[in-house]
Amino acid sequence: MTRMIEIINNTLILEKQVLEQELEEIINNKQGSVGDRVKKATNILSKLAKTDSAKETLNTYINNNNNK
């Protein structure tokens, strides 16, 4: 892997870990209304899905270029 791809990959991994931590904190936090917490959690889940999709796309790109 090139250095740039490694940086992108590591950035996506870090972003996912941060989002997972934020989600865990929202789930375990009892402060605020249920509606607000649900809204925040679904927003984070949406960001997690985008991050997972980006990681999968990057892995596909890497695999396609390694097979050439």
C-alpha atoms as a PDB file:
ATOM      1  CA  MET A   1       0.000   0.000   0.000  1.00  0.00           C
ATOM      2  CA  THR A   2       1.132   3.475  -0.682  1.00  0.00           C
ATOM      3  CA  ARG A   3       1.588   5.875   2.156  1.00  0.00           C
ATOM      4  CA  MET A   4      -1.460   7.918   1.098  1.00  0.00           C
ATOM      5  CA  ILE A   5      -3.721   4.847   1.130  1.00  0.00           C
ATOM      6  CA  GLU A   6      -2.406   3.898   4.577  1.00  0.00           C
ATOM      7  CA  ILE A   7      -3.200   7.402   5.855  1.00  0.00           C
ATOM      8  CA  ILE A   8      -6.726   7.240   4.420  1.00  0.00           C
ATOM      9  CA  ASN A   9      -7.250   3.767   5.890  1.00  0.00           C
ATOM     10  CA  ASN A  10      -5.989   4.817   9.326  1.00  0.00           C
ATOM     11  CA  THR A  11      -8.150   7.947   9.240  1.00  0.00           C
ATOM     12  CA  LEU A  12     -11.249   5.867   8.518  1.00  0.00           C
ATOM     13  CA  ILE A  13     -10.386   3.431  11.313  1.00  0.00           C
ATOM     14  CA  LEU A  14      -9.908   6.290  13.773  1.00  0.00           C
ATOM     15  CA  GLU A  15     -13.120   8.002  12.676  1.00  0.00           C
ATOM     16  CA  LYS A  16     -15.050   4.768  13.199  1.00  0.00           C
ATOM     17  CA  GLN A  17     -13.601   4.297  16.688  1.00  0.00           C
ATOM     18  CA  VAL A  18     -14.464   7.869  17.676  1.00  0.00           C
ATOM     19  CA  LEU A  19     -18.027   7.481  16.405  1.00  0.00           C
ATOM     20  CA  GLU A  20     -18.442   4.168  18.231  1.00  0.00           C
ATOM     21  CA  GLN A  21     -17.264   5.807  21.458  1.00  0.00           C
ATOM     22  CA  GLU A  22     -19.672   8.708  20.982  1.00  0.00           C
ATOM     23  CA  LEU A  23     -22.525   6.271  20.359  1.00  0.00           C
ATOM     24  CA  GLU A  24     -21.690   4.308  23.487  1.00  0.00           C
ATOM     25  CA  GLU A  25     -21.631   7.492  25.551  1.00  0.00           C
ATOM     26  CA  ILE A  26     -25.029   8.581  24.213  1.00  0.00           C
ATOM     27  CA  ILE A  27     -26.549   5.165  24.889  1.00  0.00           C
ATOM     28  CA  ASN A  28     -25.212   5.073  28.458  1.00  0.00           C
ATOM     29  CA  ASN A  29     -25.991   8.727  29.245  1.00  0.00           C
ATOM     30  CA  LYS A  30     -29.318   9.205  30.997  1.00  0.00           C
ATOM     31  CA  GLN A  31     -29.297  13.009  30.690  1.00  0.00           C
ATOM     32  CA  GLY A  32     -31.487  14.688  28.106  1.00  0.00           C
ATOM     33  CA  SER A  33     -34.734  13.608  26.598  1.00  0.00           C
ATOM     34  CA  VAL A  34     -35.111  10.223  24.964  1.00  0.00           C
ATOM     35  CA  GLY A  35     -35.980  11.931  21.676  1.00  0.00           C
ATOM     36  CA  ASP A  36     -32.781  13.983  21.691  1.00  0.00           C
ATOM     37  CA  ARG A  37     -30.664  10.950  22.541  1.00  0.00           C
ATOM     38  CA  VAL A  38     -32.327   8.890  19.804  1.00  0.00           C
ATOM     39  CA  LYS A  39     -31.780  11.693  17.290  1.00  0.00           C
ATOM     40  CA  LYS A  40     -28.090  11.957  18.230  1.00  0.00           C
ATOM     41  CA  ALA A  41     -27.660   8.170  18.133  1.00  0.00           C
ATOM     42  CA  THR A  42     -29.252   7.811  14.706  1.00  0.00           C
ATOM     43  CA  ASN A  43     -27.101  10.661  13.414  1.00  0.00           C
ATOM     44  CA  ILE A  44     -23.981   8.888  14.658  1.00  0.00           C
ATOM     45  CA  LEU A  45     -25.176   5.586  13.198  1.00  0.00           C
ATOM     46  CA  SER A  46     -25.592   7.301   9.837  1.00  0.00           C
ATOM     47  CA  LYS A  47     -22.030   8.618  10.039  1.00  0.00           C
ATOM     48  CA  LEU A  48     -20.817   5.133  11.029  1.00  0.00           C
ATOM     49  CA  ALA A  49     -22.549   3.622   8.005  1.00  0.00           C
ATOM     50  CA  LYS A  50     -20.875   6.172   5.717  1.00  0.00           C
ATOM     51  CA  THR A  51     -17.498   5.452   7.292  1.00  0.00           C
ATOM     52  CA  ASP A  52     -17.990   1.688   6.910  1.00  0.00           C
ATOM     53  CA  SER A  53     -19.009   2.183   3.288  1.00  0.00           C
ATOM     54  CA  ALA A  54     -15.952   4.335   2.616  1.00  0.00           C
ATOM     55  CA  LYS A  55     -13.700   1.709   4.217  1.00  0.00           C
ATOM     56  CA  GLU A  56     -15.287  -1.027   2.100  1.00  0.00           C
ATOM     57  CA  THR A  57     -14.854   1.076  -1.045  1.00  0.00           C
ATOM     58  CA  LEU A  58     -11.207   1.679  -0.200  1.00  0.00           C
ATOM     59  CA  ASN A  59     -10.645  -2.045   0.365  1.00  0.00           C
ATOM     60  CA  THR A  60     -12.252  -2.823  -3.002  1.00  0.00           C
ATOM     61  CA  TYR A  61      -9.995  -0.250  -4.649  1.00  0.00           C
ATOM     62  CA  ILE A  62      -6.933  -1.774  -2.982  1.00  0.00           C
ATOM     63  CA  ASN A  63      -7.925  -5.317  -3.991  1.00  0.00           C
ATOM     64  CA  ASN A  64      -8.625  -4.300  -7.594  1.00  0.00           C
ATOM     65  CA  ASN A  65      -5.268  -2.580  -7.902  1.00  0.00           C
ATOM     66  CA  ASN A  66      -3.422  -5.498  -6.310  1.00  0.00           C
ATOM     67  CA  ASN A  67      -4.928  -7.905  -8.842  1.00  0.00           C
ATOM     68  CA  LYS A  68      -3.638  -5.935 -11.841  1.00  0.00           C
END
